[in-house]
N, C-alpha and C. Protein backbone atom coordinates (compact mmCIF):
# COMPACT_ATOMS: atom_id res chain seq x y z
N UNK A 1 115.79 -131.03 141.49
CA UNK A 1 115.63 -132.31 141.57
C UNK A 1 114.08 -132.72 141.43
N UNK A 2 113.18 -132.15 141.84
CA UNK A 2 112.02 -132.32 141.71
C UNK A 2 111.59 -132.25 140.32
N UNK A 3 111.95 -131.32 139.71
CA UNK A 3 111.79 -131.11 138.10
C UNK A 3 112.30 -132.50 137.11
N UNK A 4 113.39 -133.11 137.81
CA UNK A 4 113.86 -134.14 137.11
C UNK A 4 113.38 -135.22 137.40
N UNK A 5 112.92 -135.49 138.96
CA UNK A 5 112.16 -136.63 139.44
C UNK A 5 110.76 -136.64 138.65
N UNK A 6 110.35 -135.29 138.05
CA UNK A 6 109.05 -135.31 137.68
C UNK A 6 108.89 -135.76 136.08
N UNK A 7 109.90 -135.74 135.25
CA UNK A 7 110.23 -135.98 134.23
C UNK A 7 110.93 -137.36 133.79
N UNK A 8 111.23 -138.09 135.08
CA UNK A 8 111.58 -139.49 134.75
C UNK A 8 110.72 -140.52 135.30
N UNK A 9 109.87 -139.77 136.34
CA UNK A 9 108.42 -140.53 136.69
C UNK A 9 107.09 -140.42 135.73
N UNK A 10 107.41 -139.64 134.94
CA UNK A 10 106.06 -139.53 134.06
C UNK A 10 106.00 -140.86 133.14
N UNK A 11 104.48 -141.17 133.17
CA UNK A 11 104.10 -142.01 132.30
C UNK A 11 103.35 -141.48 131.21
N UNK A 12 103.86 -141.40 129.92
CA UNK A 12 103.43 -140.75 128.53
C UNK A 12 102.46 -141.71 128.12
N UNK A 13 101.85 -142.75 128.38
CA UNK A 13 100.73 -143.42 128.21
C UNK A 13 99.52 -143.16 128.97
N UNK A 14 99.29 -143.03 130.19
CA UNK A 14 98.43 -142.91 130.97
C UNK A 14 98.62 -142.19 132.16
N UNK A 15 97.77 -141.36 132.63
CA UNK A 15 97.73 -140.25 133.78
C UNK A 15 98.31 -141.15 135.08
N UNK A 16 98.66 -140.43 136.17
CA UNK A 16 99.11 -141.11 137.37
C UNK A 16 99.13 -139.83 138.39
N UNK A 17 98.41 -140.52 139.65
CA UNK A 17 98.41 -139.54 140.58
C UNK A 17 99.75 -139.61 141.69
N UNK A 18 100.41 -138.44 142.08
CA UNK A 18 101.77 -138.45 142.81
C UNK A 18 101.43 -137.52 144.09
N UNK A 19 101.84 -138.24 145.22
CA UNK A 19 101.86 -137.42 146.45
C UNK A 19 103.34 -137.28 146.61
N UNK A 20 103.62 -135.91 146.52
CA UNK A 20 105.25 -135.26 146.49
C UNK A 20 105.14 -134.73 147.88
N UNK A 21 106.05 -135.17 148.76
CA UNK A 21 105.99 -134.51 150.03
C UNK A 21 106.70 -133.07 149.90
N UNK A 22 107.83 -132.77 149.01
CA UNK A 22 107.82 -131.40 148.62
C UNK A 22 106.96 -130.34 148.22
N UNK A 23 105.91 -130.79 147.65
CA UNK A 23 105.00 -130.07 147.11
C UNK A 23 103.63 -130.13 148.47
N UNK A 24 103.38 -131.37 148.70
CA UNK A 24 102.24 -131.44 149.51
C UNK A 24 102.38 -131.25 151.01
N UNK A 25 103.54 -130.92 151.36
CA UNK A 25 103.91 -130.37 152.83
C UNK A 25 104.35 -129.11 152.62
N UNK A 26 103.88 -127.90 153.30
CA UNK A 26 104.56 -126.71 153.61
C UNK A 26 106.05 -126.80 154.37
N UNK A 27 107.12 -127.07 153.97
CA UNK A 27 108.09 -126.83 154.85
C UNK A 27 108.57 -125.90 155.70
N UNK A 28 107.94 -124.90 155.66
CA UNK A 28 108.11 -123.61 156.26
C UNK A 28 107.29 -123.60 157.57
N UNK A 29 106.43 -124.32 157.48
CA UNK A 29 105.46 -124.36 158.49
C UNK A 29 105.48 -125.77 159.39
N UNK A 30 106.18 -125.09 160.69
CA UNK A 30 106.28 -126.28 161.51
C UNK A 30 105.20 -126.99 161.87
N UNK A 31 104.20 -126.66 162.16
CA UNK A 31 102.86 -127.21 162.71
C UNK A 31 102.43 -128.09 161.37
N UNK A 32 102.17 -127.64 160.34
CA UNK A 32 101.79 -128.52 159.02
C UNK A 32 102.62 -129.99 159.12
N UNK A 33 104.07 -129.28 159.19
CA UNK A 33 104.96 -130.42 159.05
C UNK A 33 104.81 -131.51 159.83
N UNK A 34 104.54 -131.04 160.97
CA UNK A 34 104.77 -132.04 162.18
C UNK A 34 103.39 -132.91 161.67
N UNK A 35 102.22 -132.50 161.48
CA UNK A 35 100.75 -133.29 161.22
C UNK A 35 101.13 -134.22 160.16
N UNK A 36 101.79 -133.57 159.06
CA UNK A 36 101.88 -134.38 157.86
C UNK A 36 103.03 -135.60 157.94
N UNK A 37 104.05 -135.25 158.88
CA UNK A 37 105.11 -136.47 159.21
C UNK A 37 104.42 -137.50 159.79
N UNK A 38 103.54 -137.29 160.66
CA UNK A 38 102.77 -138.24 161.20
C UNK A 38 101.81 -138.91 160.37
N UNK A 39 101.54 -138.49 159.11
CA UNK A 39 100.57 -139.26 158.17
C UNK A 39 101.52 -140.04 157.13
N UNK A 40 102.87 -139.90 157.24
CA UNK A 40 103.45 -140.15 156.29
C UNK A 40 103.56 -142.03 156.06
N UNK A 41 103.33 -142.63 157.42
CA UNK A 41 103.60 -143.98 157.36
C UNK A 41 102.28 -144.68 156.75
N UNK A 42 100.95 -144.00 157.04
CA UNK A 42 100.02 -144.33 156.23
C UNK A 42 99.98 -144.13 154.68
N UNK A 43 100.38 -142.95 154.44
CA UNK A 43 100.57 -142.81 152.92
C UNK A 43 101.34 -143.64 152.28
N UNK A 44 102.78 -144.13 153.16
CA UNK A 44 103.55 -145.03 152.36
C UNK A 44 103.00 -146.40 152.36
N UNK A 45 102.40 -146.82 153.41
CA UNK A 45 101.95 -148.05 153.66
C UNK A 45 100.45 -148.54 152.73
N UNK A 46 99.74 -147.40 152.48
CA UNK A 46 98.54 -147.17 151.67
C UNK A 46 98.89 -147.00 150.27
N UNK A 47 99.91 -146.48 149.59
CA UNK A 47 100.19 -146.06 148.17
C UNK A 47 100.28 -147.20 147.55
N UNK A 48 99.82 -147.34 146.21
CA UNK A 48 99.62 -148.34 145.64
C UNK A 48 101.24 -149.11 144.99
N UNK A 49 102.19 -147.78 145.22
CA UNK A 49 103.80 -148.00 144.90
C UNK A 49 104.50 -146.74 145.55
N UNK A 50 105.33 -147.07 146.15
CA UNK A 50 106.30 -145.87 146.70
C UNK A 50 107.63 -145.76 145.55
N UNK A 51 107.94 -144.43 145.47
CA UNK A 51 109.11 -144.58 144.52
C UNK A 51 110.04 -143.65 145.35
N UNK A 52 111.22 -144.07 145.87
CA UNK A 52 111.81 -142.93 146.96
C UNK A 52 113.07 -142.48 145.58
N UNK A 53 113.01 -141.32 145.33
CA UNK A 53 113.52 -140.77 144.10
C UNK A 53 114.86 -140.32 144.72
N UNK A 54 116.01 -140.56 144.71
CA UNK A 54 117.31 -139.92 145.02
C UNK A 54 118.07 -139.39 144.51
N UNK A 55 117.54 -139.20 143.22
CA UNK A 55 118.24 -138.08 142.36
C UNK A 55 118.52 -138.35 140.98
N UNK A 56 119.33 -137.93 140.09
CA UNK A 56 119.72 -138.27 138.99
C UNK A 56 120.94 -139.07 139.14
N UNK A 57 120.82 -139.85 137.82
CA UNK A 57 122.09 -141.04 137.84
C UNK A 57 123.32 -140.44 137.43
N UNK A 58 124.54 -140.79 137.73
CA UNK A 58 125.59 -140.81 137.23
C UNK A 58 126.30 -141.93 136.90
N UNK A 59 127.41 -141.99 136.36
CA UNK A 59 128.56 -143.32 136.07
C UNK A 59 128.45 -144.25 137.44
N UNK A 60 128.66 -143.98 138.40
CA UNK A 60 128.60 -144.68 139.78
C UNK A 60 127.37 -145.21 140.00
N UNK A 61 126.44 -144.54 140.03
CA UNK A 61 124.98 -145.05 140.18
C UNK A 61 124.55 -145.87 139.63
N UNK A 62 124.46 -145.96 138.36
CA UNK A 62 124.19 -146.82 137.24
C UNK A 62 124.91 -148.33 137.56
N UNK A 63 126.40 -148.41 138.22
CA UNK A 63 127.20 -149.34 138.07
C UNK A 63 126.56 -149.76 139.56
N UNK A 64 125.94 -148.98 140.74
CA UNK A 64 125.88 -149.52 142.03
C UNK A 64 124.24 -150.32 141.84
N UNK A 65 123.35 -149.68 141.15
CA UNK A 65 122.10 -150.39 140.88
C UNK A 65 122.27 -151.67 140.09
N UNK A 66 123.04 -151.93 139.12
CA UNK A 66 123.38 -153.17 138.41
C UNK A 66 123.92 -153.93 139.65
N UNK A 67 124.51 -153.48 140.04
CA UNK A 67 125.49 -154.69 141.23
C UNK A 67 124.33 -155.05 142.42
N UNK A 68 123.72 -154.21 142.71
CA UNK A 68 122.32 -154.28 143.73
C UNK A 68 121.42 -155.50 142.85
N UNK A 69 121.08 -155.27 141.94
CA UNK A 69 120.12 -156.25 141.16
C UNK A 69 120.82 -157.26 140.98
N UNK A 70 121.95 -157.51 140.87
CA UNK A 70 122.96 -158.89 140.57
C UNK A 70 123.06 -159.43 141.70
N UNK A 71 123.50 -158.85 142.79
CA UNK A 71 124.02 -159.47 144.33
C UNK A 71 123.21 -159.40 145.21
N UNK A 72 122.28 -158.41 145.42
CA UNK A 72 121.44 -158.38 146.47
C UNK A 72 122.07 -158.61 147.72
N UNK A 73 121.69 -159.46 148.72
CA UNK A 73 122.36 -159.48 149.84
C UNK A 73 123.61 -160.46 150.04
N UNK A 74 124.07 -160.92 148.83
CA UNK A 74 125.12 -161.79 148.59
C UNK A 74 126.27 -161.10 148.11
N UNK A 75 126.89 -160.04 148.89
CA UNK A 75 127.71 -159.23 148.66
C UNK A 75 129.07 -159.99 149.26
N UNK A 76 130.00 -160.10 148.64
CA UNK A 76 131.23 -160.55 149.13
C UNK A 76 132.57 -159.75 148.51
N UNK A 77 133.64 -159.96 149.28
CA UNK A 77 134.76 -159.05 148.96
C UNK A 77 135.49 -159.44 147.52
N UNK A 78 135.95 -158.53 146.57
CA UNK A 78 136.55 -159.16 145.36
C UNK A 78 137.82 -158.20 145.31
N UNK A 79 138.40 -158.42 144.59
CA UNK A 79 140.06 -157.52 144.15
C UNK A 79 139.41 -156.09 143.32
N UNK A 80 138.38 -156.43 142.59
CA UNK A 80 137.73 -155.10 142.02
C UNK A 80 136.61 -154.10 142.52
N UNK A 81 137.49 -153.43 143.17
CA UNK A 81 136.75 -152.16 144.14
C UNK A 81 135.71 -151.25 143.52
N UNK A 82 135.24 -151.61 142.24
CA UNK A 82 134.24 -150.66 141.27
C UNK A 82 133.03 -150.83 142.03
N UNK A 83 132.53 -151.90 142.55
CA UNK A 83 131.24 -152.26 143.33
C UNK A 83 131.36 -151.19 144.17
N UNK A 84 132.34 -151.60 145.05
CA UNK A 84 132.41 -150.87 146.28
C UNK A 84 132.37 -149.19 146.38
N UNK A 85 133.40 -148.69 145.64
CA UNK A 85 133.40 -147.29 145.34
C UNK A 85 131.83 -146.85 144.79
N UNK A 86 131.23 -147.71 144.15
CA UNK A 86 130.05 -147.02 143.42
C UNK A 86 128.93 -147.04 144.55
N UNK A 87 128.68 -147.85 145.34
CA UNK A 87 127.94 -148.00 146.71
C UNK A 87 128.26 -147.22 147.41
N UNK A 88 129.44 -146.71 147.74
CA UNK A 88 129.96 -145.57 148.66
C UNK A 88 129.32 -144.35 148.16
N UNK A 89 129.29 -144.18 146.87
CA UNK A 89 129.25 -142.75 146.31
C UNK A 89 127.49 -142.63 146.29
N UNK A 90 127.05 -143.86 146.03
CA UNK A 90 125.52 -143.89 146.01
C UNK A 90 125.04 -143.80 147.42
N UNK A 91 125.56 -144.25 148.38
CA UNK A 91 125.04 -143.99 149.61
C UNK A 91 125.42 -142.37 150.41
N UNK A 92 126.16 -141.87 149.98
CA UNK A 92 126.54 -140.65 149.98
C UNK A 92 125.71 -139.51 149.72
N UNK A 93 124.78 -139.91 148.76
CA UNK A 93 123.75 -138.93 148.22
C UNK A 93 122.87 -138.11 149.40
N UNK A 94 122.44 -136.99 149.35
CA UNK A 94 121.86 -136.46 150.82
C UNK A 94 120.68 -137.14 150.95
N UNK A 95 119.68 -137.88 149.93
CA UNK A 95 118.60 -138.67 150.63
C UNK A 95 118.78 -139.67 151.60
N UNK A 96 119.90 -140.25 151.74
CA UNK A 96 120.22 -141.38 152.55
C UNK A 96 120.53 -140.66 153.91
N UNK A 97 120.70 -139.36 154.15
CA UNK A 97 120.95 -138.67 155.48
C UNK A 97 119.55 -138.12 155.99
N UNK A 98 118.81 -138.26 155.42
CA UNK A 98 117.36 -138.17 155.93
C UNK A 98 116.87 -138.65 157.18
N UNK A 99 116.61 -138.45 157.99
CA UNK A 99 116.18 -139.29 159.48
C UNK A 99 114.60 -140.32 159.09
N UNK A 100 113.85 -139.80 158.27
CA UNK A 100 112.55 -140.52 158.24
C UNK A 100 112.57 -141.73 156.74
N UNK A 101 113.82 -141.51 156.35
CA UNK A 101 114.15 -142.44 154.87
C UNK A 101 113.87 -144.00 155.40
N UNK A 102 114.68 -144.48 156.40
CA UNK A 102 114.01 -145.74 156.83
C UNK A 102 112.71 -145.94 157.04
N UNK A 103 112.10 -145.08 158.25
CA UNK A 103 110.70 -145.55 158.23
C UNK A 103 109.86 -145.32 157.33
N UNK A 104 110.06 -144.29 156.45
CA UNK A 104 109.44 -144.48 155.27
C UNK A 104 109.29 -145.70 154.21
N UNK A 105 110.57 -146.33 154.16
CA UNK A 105 110.68 -147.17 153.44
C UNK A 105 110.15 -148.71 154.16
N UNK A 106 110.40 -148.69 155.43
CA UNK A 106 109.78 -149.91 156.27
C UNK A 106 108.35 -149.53 156.12
N UNK A 107 107.90 -148.70 156.06
CA UNK A 107 105.99 -148.79 156.33
C UNK A 107 105.41 -148.88 154.73
N UNK A 108 106.22 -148.77 153.82
CA UNK A 108 105.64 -149.15 152.51
C UNK A 108 105.32 -150.48 152.22
N UNK A 109 104.84 -150.52 151.05
CA UNK A 109 104.31 -151.85 150.61
C UNK A 109 105.20 -152.49 149.91
N UNK A 110 105.06 -153.77 149.49
CA UNK A 110 106.34 -154.46 148.28
C UNK A 110 106.56 -154.06 147.19
N UNK A 111 105.82 -152.66 146.86
CA UNK A 111 105.97 -152.73 145.31
C UNK A 111 107.02 -151.15 145.44
N UNK A 112 107.58 -151.09 146.68
CA UNK A 112 108.23 -149.73 146.72
C UNK A 112 109.84 -149.99 146.17
N UNK A 113 109.98 -149.14 145.45
CA UNK A 113 111.43 -149.27 145.01
C UNK A 113 112.05 -147.60 145.11
N UNK A 114 113.40 -147.89 144.70
CA UNK A 114 114.20 -146.66 144.71
C UNK A 114 114.84 -146.45 143.51
N UNK A 115 114.69 -145.17 143.20
CA UNK A 115 114.92 -144.70 141.92
C UNK A 115 116.07 -143.69 141.88
N UNK A 116 116.93 -143.73 140.96
CA UNK A 116 118.02 -142.62 140.90
C UNK A 116 118.42 -142.53 138.99
N UNK A 117 117.77 -141.42 138.51
CA UNK A 117 117.61 -141.32 137.07
C UNK A 117 116.85 -142.32 136.55
N UNK A 118 117.01 -143.07 135.54
CA UNK A 118 116.52 -144.06 134.93
C UNK A 118 116.79 -145.27 135.55
N UNK A 119 117.53 -145.69 136.54
CA UNK A 119 117.61 -146.63 137.10
C UNK A 119 117.13 -147.03 138.63
N UNK A 120 116.01 -148.11 138.71
CA UNK A 120 115.10 -148.49 139.69
C UNK A 120 115.28 -149.88 140.01
N UNK A 121 115.11 -150.12 141.39
CA UNK A 121 115.49 -151.35 142.32
C UNK A 121 114.47 -151.68 143.28
N UNK A 122 113.76 -152.81 143.12
CA UNK A 122 112.72 -152.72 144.40
C UNK A 122 113.63 -152.78 145.67
N UNK A 123 112.96 -152.40 146.58
CA UNK A 123 113.48 -152.45 147.57
C UNK A 123 113.48 -153.90 148.21
N UNK A 124 112.48 -154.65 147.84
CA UNK A 124 112.54 -156.02 148.52
C UNK A 124 113.78 -157.11 148.11
N UNK A 125 114.59 -156.46 146.92
CA UNK A 125 115.76 -157.31 146.54
C UNK A 125 116.98 -156.68 147.26
N UNK A 126 116.51 -155.76 148.09
CA UNK A 126 117.76 -155.26 148.85
C UNK A 126 118.02 -155.63 150.34
N UNK A 127 116.74 -156.25 150.87
CA UNK A 127 116.46 -156.65 152.19
C UNK A 127 116.59 -158.27 152.41
């Protein structure tokens, strides 16, 4: 998953610095993990841009992102359930089950986006 994220987030034209919790926090060291989790709010808030990588895209995630861009908060029921099924599959990704996800997104700045494969959407368009 991290390899895929790095390939999608790579900027071929200029260098970029990334803070990746999976690398920067020793997940097997409970003390270090607790210290770093306390810093996550500041890291997210002070970052130039936060990208919440949720995994590689599939057919339904591309549809879900397109519909989120188009509809935002103005979702209404339609006879075509494609959008609802795509959103359900997207929201069932493991990333959304992590407890700190909402906190990380709320503490980040206006340039925060969620990315799945090559599809990306600003968090501000979803609130």
